[in-house]
């Protein structure tokens, strides 16, 4: 099975984002990307506002802060909760992107010799592929200096020890079109 939602990514190094926010703006940019998906023409926030509203710091954005402060910002008409990989896949199958955090440091994997996709990084999870070899996550990588966000495919199994997921969904879940393919391997 293969599912990918059409989500427009944002670079955390975009010129519109304050220079001193850029290195640690992945969390706010991930939240903003998802909010712009739900509110494509009327999202009232920009990345700098999200950085402040979510309580981001130079060392990043803790999951609990993202959840708490996004709930305070958006109100009770939104569901913002941690979710498992199975719940994240269900969200994607329904056409709803999910915030995904790679966190080697606060998951206490400091000494693991395996090279994870990212040591510490928030990204929008926009799809997945699944077959007998495992699960491949489709993410926007939030760009780099002088580079737009791009879609990357990463192994869930190789990164599962450091991954967490947060669903960000309005209570009135609008219908969206997504690209679904079932593949046989």
N, C-alpha and C. Protein backbone atom coordinates (compact mmCIF):
# COMPACT_ATOMS: atom_id res chain seq x y z
N UNK A 1 0.84 -1.18 0.00
CA UNK A 1 0.00 0.00 0.00
C UNK A 1 0.88 1.25 0.00
N UNK A 2 0.40 2.28 -0.64
CA UNK A 2 1.12 3.53 -0.77
C UNK A 2 0.11 4.67 -0.62
N UNK A 3 0.35 5.61 0.30
CA UNK A 3 -0.51 6.76 0.50
C UNK A 3 0.36 8.00 0.62
N UNK A 4 0.03 9.03 -0.14
CA UNK A 4 0.75 10.30 -0.01
C UNK A 4 -0.23 11.45 -0.17
N UNK A 5 -0.22 12.35 0.81
CA UNK A 5 -1.09 13.52 0.80
C UNK A 5 -0.34 14.66 0.12
N UNK A 6 -1.04 15.45 -0.66
CA UNK A 6 -0.44 16.60 -1.32
C UNK A 6 -0.36 17.75 -0.31
N UNK A 7 0.82 17.93 0.26
CA UNK A 7 1.08 18.96 1.26
C UNK A 7 2.23 19.82 0.77
N UNK A 8 2.06 21.14 0.85
CA UNK A 8 3.13 22.04 0.44
C UNK A 8 4.06 22.28 1.61
N UNK A 9 5.32 21.93 1.45
CA UNK A 9 6.30 22.10 2.51
C UNK A 9 6.81 23.52 2.61
N UNK A 10 7.42 23.82 3.74
CA UNK A 10 8.02 25.13 4.01
C UNK A 10 9.44 24.89 4.50
N UNK A 11 10.37 25.72 4.07
CA UNK A 11 11.74 25.61 4.58
C UNK A 11 11.87 26.39 5.87
N UNK A 12 12.48 25.78 6.87
CA UNK A 12 12.72 26.50 8.12
C UNK A 12 13.79 27.58 7.94
N UNK A 13 14.43 27.60 6.78
CA UNK A 13 15.43 28.62 6.46
C UNK A 13 14.89 29.66 5.47
N UNK A 14 13.57 29.72 5.33
CA UNK A 14 12.96 30.70 4.45
C UNK A 14 13.32 32.11 4.92
N UNK A 15 13.47 33.03 3.98
CA UNK A 15 13.84 34.41 4.31
C UNK A 15 12.84 35.10 5.23
N UNK A 16 11.60 34.62 5.24
CA UNK A 16 10.57 35.23 6.09
C UNK A 16 10.73 34.87 7.56
N UNK A 17 11.56 33.88 7.86
CA UNK A 17 11.77 33.44 9.24
C UNK A 17 13.01 34.13 9.80
N UNK A 18 12.88 34.66 11.01
CA UNK A 18 14.00 35.38 11.64
C UNK A 18 15.24 34.49 11.67
N UNK A 19 16.37 35.10 11.35
CA UNK A 19 17.62 34.34 11.27
C UNK A 19 17.93 33.55 12.53
N UNK A 20 17.70 34.15 13.70
CA UNK A 20 18.04 33.44 14.94
C UNK A 20 17.02 32.34 15.28
N UNK A 21 15.88 32.30 14.62
CA UNK A 21 14.92 31.22 14.80
C UNK A 21 15.22 30.03 13.88
N UNK A 22 15.80 30.30 12.73
CA UNK A 22 15.91 29.29 11.68
C UNK A 22 16.51 27.94 12.12
N UNK A 23 17.64 27.91 12.84
CA UNK A 23 18.21 26.60 13.19
C UNK A 23 17.30 25.72 14.04
N UNK A 24 16.37 26.34 14.78
CA UNK A 24 15.49 25.56 15.65
C UNK A 24 14.01 25.75 15.31
N UNK A 25 13.73 26.11 14.08
CA UNK A 25 12.35 26.39 13.66
C UNK A 25 11.62 25.18 13.08
N UNK A 26 12.20 23.99 13.17
CA UNK A 26 11.55 22.82 12.55
C UNK A 26 10.20 22.51 13.17
N UNK A 27 10.06 22.63 14.48
CA UNK A 27 8.78 22.36 15.13
C UNK A 27 7.69 23.34 14.71
N UNK A 28 7.96 24.65 14.83
CA UNK A 28 6.96 25.62 14.38
C UNK A 28 6.65 25.50 12.88
N UNK A 29 7.64 25.22 12.06
CA UNK A 29 7.41 25.07 10.62
C UNK A 29 6.57 23.83 10.34
N UNK A 30 6.80 22.76 11.07
CA UNK A 30 5.99 21.56 10.92
C UNK A 30 4.54 21.85 11.27
N UNK A 31 4.32 22.50 12.42
CA UNK A 31 2.95 22.85 12.83
C UNK A 31 2.31 23.78 11.80
N UNK A 32 3.06 24.77 11.33
CA UNK A 32 2.53 25.72 10.35
C UNK A 32 2.20 25.02 9.03
N UNK A 33 3.03 24.10 8.59
CA UNK A 33 2.76 23.35 7.36
C UNK A 33 1.43 22.61 7.47
N UNK A 34 1.20 21.98 8.62
CA UNK A 34 -0.04 21.25 8.81
C UNK A 34 -1.23 22.20 8.91
N UNK A 35 -1.07 23.33 9.61
CA UNK A 35 -2.16 24.31 9.69
C UNK A 35 -2.49 24.89 8.32
N UNK A 36 -1.48 25.15 7.52
CA UNK A 36 -1.73 25.67 6.17
C UNK A 36 -2.40 24.62 5.28
N UNK A 37 -2.17 23.37 5.57
CA UNK A 37 -2.87 22.31 4.84
C UNK A 37 -4.37 22.41 5.13
N UNK A 38 -4.71 22.59 6.41
CA UNK A 38 -6.11 22.67 6.81
C UNK A 38 -6.73 24.01 6.46
N UNK A 39 -5.94 25.09 6.45
CA UNK A 39 -6.44 26.44 6.18
C UNK A 39 -5.63 27.05 5.03
N UNK A 40 -5.74 26.53 3.82
CA UNK A 40 -4.83 26.92 2.75
C UNK A 40 -4.86 28.41 2.38
N UNK A 41 -5.96 29.06 2.55
CA UNK A 41 -6.04 30.47 2.15
C UNK A 41 -6.24 31.42 3.30
N UNK A 42 -6.34 30.90 4.52
CA UNK A 42 -6.64 31.81 5.62
C UNK A 42 -5.95 31.44 6.93
N UNK A 43 -4.78 30.84 6.88
CA UNK A 43 -4.04 30.54 8.10
C UNK A 43 -3.58 31.87 8.71
N UNK A 44 -3.98 32.15 9.95
CA UNK A 44 -3.67 33.45 10.54
C UNK A 44 -2.25 33.59 11.09
N UNK A 45 -1.42 32.57 10.96
CA UNK A 45 -0.10 32.57 11.58
C UNK A 45 1.01 32.53 10.54
N UNK A 46 2.19 33.00 10.96
CA UNK A 46 3.39 32.78 10.18
C UNK A 46 4.38 32.03 11.06
N UNK A 47 5.51 31.67 10.51
CA UNK A 47 6.47 30.83 11.25
C UNK A 47 7.02 31.54 12.50
N UNK A 48 7.26 32.85 12.40
CA UNK A 48 7.78 33.58 13.56
C UNK A 48 6.77 33.61 14.70
N UNK A 49 5.49 33.80 14.37
CA UNK A 49 4.44 33.76 15.39
C UNK A 49 4.33 32.36 16.00
N UNK A 50 4.38 31.33 15.17
CA UNK A 50 4.30 29.97 15.68
C UNK A 50 5.47 29.66 16.61
N UNK A 51 6.64 30.15 16.27
CA UNK A 51 7.82 29.93 17.11
C UNK A 51 7.55 30.45 18.53
N UNK A 52 7.03 31.67 18.61
CA UNK A 52 6.76 32.27 19.92
C UNK A 52 5.56 31.60 20.61
N UNK A 53 4.48 31.37 19.87
CA UNK A 53 3.26 30.79 20.46
C UNK A 53 3.49 29.39 21.02
N UNK A 54 4.33 28.60 20.34
CA UNK A 54 4.57 27.23 20.77
C UNK A 54 5.61 27.11 21.87
N UNK A 55 6.35 28.19 22.14
CA UNK A 55 7.37 28.14 23.18
C UNK A 55 8.66 27.49 22.71
N UNK A 56 8.96 27.63 21.45
CA UNK A 56 10.20 27.05 20.91
C UNK A 56 11.42 27.73 21.52
N UNK A 57 12.51 26.99 21.56
CA UNK A 57 13.77 27.52 22.09
C UNK A 57 14.90 27.19 21.13
N UNK A 58 16.09 27.66 21.43
CA UNK A 58 17.25 27.37 20.58
C UNK A 58 17.57 25.88 20.53
N UNK A 59 17.13 25.13 21.54
CA UNK A 59 17.40 23.68 21.52
C UNK A 59 16.23 22.91 20.94
N UNK A 60 15.20 23.59 20.50
CA UNK A 60 14.09 22.90 19.84
C UNK A 60 12.76 23.09 20.54
N UNK A 61 11.84 22.18 20.26
CA UNK A 61 10.48 22.24 20.78
C UNK A 61 10.11 20.88 21.35
N UNK A 62 9.84 20.84 22.63
CA UNK A 62 9.43 19.60 23.27
C UNK A 62 8.03 19.22 22.81
N UNK A 63 7.79 17.92 22.72
CA UNK A 63 6.49 17.44 22.26
C UNK A 63 5.37 17.94 23.16
N UNK A 64 5.56 17.87 24.46
CA UNK A 64 4.51 18.29 25.39
C UNK A 64 4.20 19.77 25.22
N UNK A 65 5.22 20.58 24.91
CA UNK A 65 4.98 22.02 24.68
C UNK A 65 4.20 22.25 23.39
N UNK A 66 4.55 21.51 22.35
CA UNK A 66 3.81 21.63 21.10
C UNK A 66 2.33 21.33 21.35
N UNK A 67 2.06 20.23 22.03
CA UNK A 67 0.68 19.82 22.28
C UNK A 67 -0.04 20.85 23.14
N UNK A 68 0.54 21.19 24.27
CA UNK A 68 -0.11 22.13 25.20
C UNK A 68 -0.34 23.50 24.56
N UNK A 69 0.70 24.06 23.95
CA UNK A 69 0.58 25.42 23.43
C UNK A 69 -0.22 25.49 22.14
N UNK A 70 -0.21 24.44 21.34
CA UNK A 70 -1.05 24.43 20.14
C UNK A 70 -2.52 24.30 20.54
N UNK A 71 -2.80 23.53 21.58
CA UNK A 71 -4.17 23.44 22.09
C UNK A 71 -4.64 24.81 22.58
N UNK A 72 -3.77 25.51 23.32
CA UNK A 72 -4.13 26.84 23.81
C UNK A 72 -4.35 27.81 22.66
N UNK A 73 -3.51 27.73 21.64
CA UNK A 73 -3.59 28.64 20.50
C UNK A 73 -4.82 28.38 19.65
N UNK A 74 -5.11 27.12 19.35
CA UNK A 74 -6.18 26.78 18.42
C UNK A 74 -7.54 26.57 19.09
N UNK A 75 -7.55 26.23 20.36
CA UNK A 75 -8.80 26.05 21.08
C UNK A 75 -9.38 24.66 20.97
N UNK A 76 -10.57 24.51 21.52
CA UNK A 76 -11.19 23.20 21.66
C UNK A 76 -11.76 22.64 20.36
N UNK A 77 -11.71 23.42 19.29
CA UNK A 77 -12.23 22.91 18.01
C UNK A 77 -11.19 22.08 17.26
N UNK A 78 -10.03 21.87 17.88
CA UNK A 78 -8.97 21.07 17.29
C UNK A 78 -8.61 19.91 18.21
N UNK A 79 -8.26 18.78 17.61
CA UNK A 79 -7.74 17.64 18.36
C UNK A 79 -6.24 17.59 18.15
N UNK A 80 -5.49 17.74 19.24
CA UNK A 80 -4.03 17.73 19.19
C UNK A 80 -3.56 16.75 20.25
N UNK A 81 -3.08 15.59 19.81
CA UNK A 81 -2.70 14.51 20.73
C UNK A 81 -1.54 13.71 20.18
N UNK A 82 -0.79 13.10 21.10
CA UNK A 82 0.20 12.10 20.72
C UNK A 82 -0.53 10.94 20.06
N UNK A 83 0.17 10.26 19.17
CA UNK A 83 -0.43 9.07 18.57
C UNK A 83 0.66 8.05 18.24
N UNK A 84 0.25 6.82 18.09
CA UNK A 84 1.15 5.73 17.75
C UNK A 84 1.36 5.69 16.23
N UNK A 85 2.24 4.84 15.79
CA UNK A 85 2.45 4.67 14.34
C UNK A 85 1.18 4.16 13.68
N UNK A 86 0.44 3.27 14.33
CA UNK A 86 -0.80 2.77 13.74
C UNK A 86 -1.84 3.89 13.62
N UNK A 87 -1.93 4.73 14.65
CA UNK A 87 -2.84 5.87 14.58
C UNK A 87 -2.39 6.87 13.53
N UNK A 88 -1.08 7.09 13.42
CA UNK A 88 -0.55 8.01 12.39
C UNK A 88 -0.89 7.49 11.00
N UNK A 89 -0.74 6.20 10.77
CA UNK A 89 -1.09 5.62 9.47
C UNK A 89 -2.58 5.78 9.20
N UNK A 90 -3.42 5.59 10.21
CA UNK A 90 -4.87 5.77 10.04
C UNK A 90 -5.19 7.22 9.68
N UNK A 91 -4.50 8.16 10.32
CA UNK A 91 -4.70 9.58 9.99
C UNK A 91 -4.34 9.83 8.53
N UNK A 92 -3.22 9.30 8.09
CA UNK A 92 -2.77 9.49 6.71
C UNK A 92 -3.76 8.87 5.72
N UNK A 93 -4.28 7.70 6.07
CA UNK A 93 -5.26 7.06 5.20
C UNK A 93 -6.54 7.89 5.07
N UNK A 94 -6.82 8.70 6.09
CA UNK A 94 -7.98 9.60 6.05
C UNK A 94 -7.64 10.95 5.43
N UNK A 95 -6.39 11.12 4.97
CA UNK A 95 -6.00 12.37 4.31
C UNK A 95 -5.57 13.46 5.26
N UNK A 96 -5.02 13.07 6.42
CA UNK A 96 -4.64 14.04 7.44
C UNK A 96 -3.16 13.91 7.78
N UNK A 97 -2.34 14.94 7.49
CA UNK A 97 -0.92 14.88 7.84
C UNK A 97 -0.71 14.85 9.35
N UNK A 98 0.46 14.38 9.76
CA UNK A 98 0.79 14.20 11.18
C UNK A 98 2.16 14.82 11.43
N UNK A 99 2.34 15.43 12.59
CA UNK A 99 3.66 15.93 12.99
C UNK A 99 4.48 14.74 13.48
N UNK A 100 5.73 14.68 13.06
CA UNK A 100 6.61 13.57 13.39
C UNK A 100 7.91 14.13 13.94
N UNK A 101 8.34 13.60 15.08
CA UNK A 101 9.57 14.08 15.70
C UNK A 101 10.60 12.97 15.81
N UNK A 102 11.79 13.24 15.30
CA UNK A 102 12.96 12.38 15.48
C UNK A 102 13.70 12.97 16.68
N UNK A 103 13.95 12.17 17.71
CA UNK A 103 14.59 12.71 18.91
C UNK A 103 15.49 11.67 19.56
N UNK A 104 16.73 11.69 19.14
CA UNK A 104 17.72 10.76 19.70
C UNK A 104 18.10 11.14 21.13
N UNK A 105 18.08 12.41 21.44
CA UNK A 105 18.58 12.88 22.73
C UNK A 105 17.62 12.62 23.88
N UNK A 106 16.35 13.00 23.72
CA UNK A 106 15.41 12.85 24.82
C UNK A 106 14.71 11.49 24.82
N UNK A 107 15.08 10.63 23.87
CA UNK A 107 14.62 9.24 23.92
C UNK A 107 15.76 8.36 24.46
N UNK A 108 16.81 9.02 24.94
CA UNK A 108 17.95 8.36 25.59
C UNK A 108 18.63 7.35 24.69
N UNK A 109 18.85 7.75 23.45
CA UNK A 109 19.60 6.93 22.50
C UNK A 109 20.93 7.61 22.14
N UNK A 110 21.56 8.23 23.14
CA UNK A 110 22.80 8.97 22.91
C UNK A 110 23.92 8.08 22.40
N UNK A 111 24.00 6.87 22.92
CA UNK A 111 25.16 6.04 22.64
C UNK A 111 24.90 4.99 21.56
N UNK A 112 23.72 5.00 21.01
CA UNK A 112 23.40 4.06 19.95
C UNK A 112 24.29 4.38 18.75
N UNK A 113 24.95 3.39 18.22
CA UNK A 113 25.87 3.63 17.11
C UNK A 113 25.16 3.70 15.76
N UNK A 114 23.87 3.35 15.73
CA UNK A 114 23.13 3.43 14.47
C UNK A 114 22.92 4.89 14.08
N UNK A 115 23.09 5.19 12.81
CA UNK A 115 22.87 6.54 12.31
C UNK A 115 21.41 6.69 11.91
N UNK A 116 20.67 7.43 12.73
CA UNK A 116 19.27 7.71 12.43
C UNK A 116 19.18 8.75 11.31
N UNK A 117 18.01 8.88 10.72
CA UNK A 117 17.81 9.86 9.65
C UNK A 117 18.10 11.27 10.14
N UNK A 118 17.64 11.59 11.35
CA UNK A 118 17.92 12.88 12.00
C UNK A 118 18.19 12.59 13.47
N UNK A 119 19.02 13.41 14.10
CA UNK A 119 19.23 13.27 15.54
C UNK A 119 18.08 13.92 16.30
N UNK A 120 17.69 15.13 15.85
CA UNK A 120 16.60 15.87 16.49
C UNK A 120 15.97 16.73 15.42
N UNK A 121 14.70 16.44 15.08
CA UNK A 121 14.06 17.19 14.00
C UNK A 121 12.58 16.89 13.96
N UNK A 122 11.77 17.95 13.84
CA UNK A 122 10.34 17.82 13.58
C UNK A 122 10.13 17.88 12.08
N UNK A 123 9.22 17.06 11.56
CA UNK A 123 8.87 17.08 10.14
C UNK A 123 7.38 16.76 9.97
N UNK A 124 6.76 17.26 8.90
CA UNK A 124 5.41 16.82 8.58
C UNK A 124 5.47 15.43 7.93
N UNK A 125 4.70 14.51 8.48
CA UNK A 125 4.55 13.17 7.91
C UNK A 125 3.36 13.25 6.96
N UNK A 126 3.62 12.99 5.67
CA UNK A 126 2.58 13.20 4.66
C UNK A 126 2.16 11.91 3.95
N UNK A 127 2.76 10.79 4.34
CA UNK A 127 2.38 9.53 3.71
C UNK A 127 3.23 8.38 4.20
N UNK A 128 2.91 7.23 3.67
CA UNK A 128 3.70 6.04 3.99
C UNK A 128 3.50 4.99 2.91
N UNK A 129 4.46 4.11 2.83
CA UNK A 129 4.35 2.92 1.99
C UNK A 129 4.60 1.72 2.88
N UNK A 130 3.90 0.63 2.62
CA UNK A 130 4.06 -0.54 3.46
C UNK A 130 4.05 -1.79 2.60
N UNK A 131 5.03 -2.66 2.85
CA UNK A 131 5.07 -3.95 2.17
C UNK A 131 5.74 -4.94 3.11
N UNK A 132 6.08 -6.11 2.60
CA UNK A 132 6.66 -7.15 3.46
C UNK A 132 8.02 -6.75 4.03
N UNK A 133 8.66 -5.74 3.46
CA UNK A 133 9.96 -5.29 3.97
C UNK A 133 9.84 -4.26 5.08
N UNK A 134 8.64 -3.73 5.33
CA UNK A 134 8.46 -2.77 6.41
C UNK A 134 7.69 -1.54 5.96
N UNK A 135 7.82 -0.50 6.76
CA UNK A 135 7.10 0.75 6.53
C UNK A 135 8.10 1.83 6.13
N UNK A 136 7.78 2.54 5.06
CA UNK A 136 8.55 3.70 4.64
C UNK A 136 7.70 4.93 4.91
N UNK A 137 8.25 5.89 5.64
CA UNK A 137 7.55 7.14 5.94
C UNK A 137 7.89 8.17 4.88
N UNK A 138 6.89 8.93 4.44
CA UNK A 138 7.09 10.02 3.48
C UNK A 138 6.98 11.32 4.26
N UNK A 139 8.07 12.07 4.29
CA UNK A 139 8.13 13.30 5.09
C UNK A 139 8.56 14.48 4.23
N UNK A 140 8.19 15.68 4.66
CA UNK A 140 8.82 16.89 4.15
C UNK A 140 9.98 17.17 5.10
N UNK A 141 11.16 17.46 4.59
CA UNK A 141 12.32 17.60 5.48
C UNK A 141 12.53 19.02 6.03
N UNK A 142 11.65 19.95 5.71
CA UNK A 142 11.70 21.34 6.18
C UNK A 142 12.90 22.13 5.64
N UNK A 143 13.46 21.68 4.55
CA UNK A 143 14.47 22.44 3.84
C UNK A 143 15.82 22.54 4.52
N UNK A 144 16.65 23.37 3.93
CA UNK A 144 17.98 23.63 4.45
C UNK A 144 18.38 25.03 4.02
N UNK A 145 19.56 25.45 4.39
CA UNK A 145 20.01 26.79 3.98
C UNK A 145 20.04 26.86 2.46
N UNK A 146 19.23 27.77 1.91
CA UNK A 146 19.18 27.94 0.47
C UNK A 146 18.46 26.84 -0.27
N UNK A 147 17.69 25.99 0.45
CA UNK A 147 17.01 24.87 -0.18
C UNK A 147 15.59 24.74 0.35
N UNK A 148 14.66 24.57 -0.58
CA UNK A 148 13.26 24.37 -0.21
C UNK A 148 13.08 23.02 0.46
N UNK A 149 11.95 22.87 1.15
CA UNK A 149 11.60 21.58 1.74
C UNK A 149 11.39 20.57 0.62
N UNK A 150 11.83 19.35 0.84
CA UNK A 150 11.63 18.31 -0.17
C UNK A 150 11.08 17.06 0.50
N UNK A 151 10.44 16.25 -0.30
CA UNK A 151 9.89 15.00 0.21
C UNK A 151 10.99 13.96 0.26
N UNK A 152 11.09 13.28 1.41
CA UNK A 152 12.06 12.21 1.58
C UNK A 152 11.34 10.97 2.05
N UNK A 153 11.92 9.83 1.76
CA UNK A 153 11.39 8.54 2.20
C UNK A 153 12.38 7.97 3.22
N UNK A 154 11.88 7.64 4.41
CA UNK A 154 12.75 7.12 5.46
C UNK A 154 12.15 5.85 6.05
N UNK A 155 13.00 4.97 6.49
CA UNK A 155 12.56 3.71 7.08
C UNK A 155 12.02 3.94 8.48
N UNK A 156 10.80 3.48 8.71
CA UNK A 156 10.23 3.55 10.06
C UNK A 156 11.03 2.64 11.00
N UNK A 157 11.30 1.42 10.58
CA UNK A 157 11.96 0.44 11.45
C UNK A 157 13.33 0.92 11.91
N UNK A 158 14.09 1.56 11.05
CA UNK A 158 15.44 2.02 11.41
C UNK A 158 15.41 3.22 12.36
N UNK A 159 14.29 3.92 12.41
CA UNK A 159 14.18 5.13 13.23
C UNK A 159 13.17 5.01 14.37
N UNK A 160 12.47 3.88 14.48
CA UNK A 160 11.34 3.78 15.39
C UNK A 160 11.67 4.07 16.85
N UNK A 161 12.91 3.81 17.28
CA UNK A 161 13.27 4.05 18.67
C UNK A 161 13.27 5.53 19.04
N UNK A 162 13.34 6.41 18.06
CA UNK A 162 13.44 7.83 18.36
C UNK A 162 12.27 8.64 17.79
N UNK A 163 11.24 7.97 17.28
CA UNK A 163 10.11 8.66 16.66
C UNK A 163 8.93 8.83 17.61
N UNK A 164 8.30 10.00 17.52
CA UNK A 164 7.00 10.24 18.15
C UNK A 164 6.13 10.96 17.13
N UNK A 165 4.82 10.85 17.31
CA UNK A 165 3.86 11.42 16.36
C UNK A 165 2.81 12.22 17.11
N UNK A 166 2.37 13.31 16.47
CA UNK A 166 1.32 14.15 17.04
C UNK A 166 0.31 14.45 15.94
N UNK A 167 -0.97 14.13 16.21
CA UNK A 167 -2.00 14.46 15.23
C UNK A 167 -2.54 15.86 15.54
N UNK A 168 -2.77 16.62 14.48
CA UNK A 168 -3.27 17.99 14.56
C UNK A 168 -4.44 18.06 13.59
N UNK A 169 -5.67 17.96 14.13
CA UNK A 169 -6.84 17.79 13.28
C UNK A 169 -7.98 18.69 13.75
N UNK A 170 -8.58 19.46 12.85
CA UNK A 170 -9.78 20.21 13.25
C UNK A 170 -10.93 19.24 13.51
N UNK A 171 -11.80 19.60 14.45
CA UNK A 171 -12.94 18.72 14.78
C UNK A 171 -13.83 18.50 13.57
N UNK A 172 -13.98 19.52 12.71
CA UNK A 172 -14.78 19.34 11.49
C UNK A 172 -13.82 18.96 10.38
N UNK A 173 -13.48 17.68 10.33
CA UNK A 173 -12.48 17.17 9.40
C UNK A 173 -12.97 17.31 7.97
N UNK A 174 -12.38 18.23 7.23
CA UNK A 174 -12.81 18.42 5.84
C UNK A 174 -12.33 17.25 4.99
N UNK A 175 -13.07 16.96 3.99
CA UNK A 175 -12.67 15.90 3.05
C UNK A 175 -11.56 16.44 2.16
N UNK A 176 -10.56 15.64 1.97
CA UNK A 176 -9.46 16.03 1.09
C UNK A 176 -9.19 14.88 0.13
N UNK A 177 -8.67 15.21 -1.02
CA UNK A 177 -8.34 14.13 -1.95
C UNK A 177 -6.88 13.73 -1.72
N UNK A 178 -6.64 12.46 -1.68
CA UNK A 178 -5.29 11.95 -1.53
C UNK A 178 -5.03 10.90 -2.60
N UNK A 179 -3.79 10.63 -2.81
CA UNK A 179 -3.40 9.64 -3.82
C UNK A 179 -3.17 8.32 -3.10
N UNK A 180 -3.99 7.32 -3.40
CA UNK A 180 -3.83 6.00 -2.79
C UNK A 180 -3.54 4.98 -3.87
N UNK A 181 -2.56 4.17 -3.63
CA UNK A 181 -2.25 3.06 -4.52
C UNK A 181 -2.04 1.82 -3.69
N UNK A 182 -2.53 0.74 -4.13
CA UNK A 182 -2.17 -0.55 -3.53
C UNK A 182 -1.19 -1.20 -4.49
N UNK A 183 -0.07 -1.60 -3.96
CA UNK A 183 0.93 -2.24 -4.82
C UNK A 183 1.17 -3.65 -4.33
N UNK A 184 1.42 -4.51 -5.24
CA UNK A 184 1.75 -5.89 -4.89
C UNK A 184 3.22 -6.11 -5.21
N UNK A 185 3.93 -6.61 -4.25
CA UNK A 185 5.36 -6.90 -4.44
C UNK A 185 5.62 -8.35 -4.29
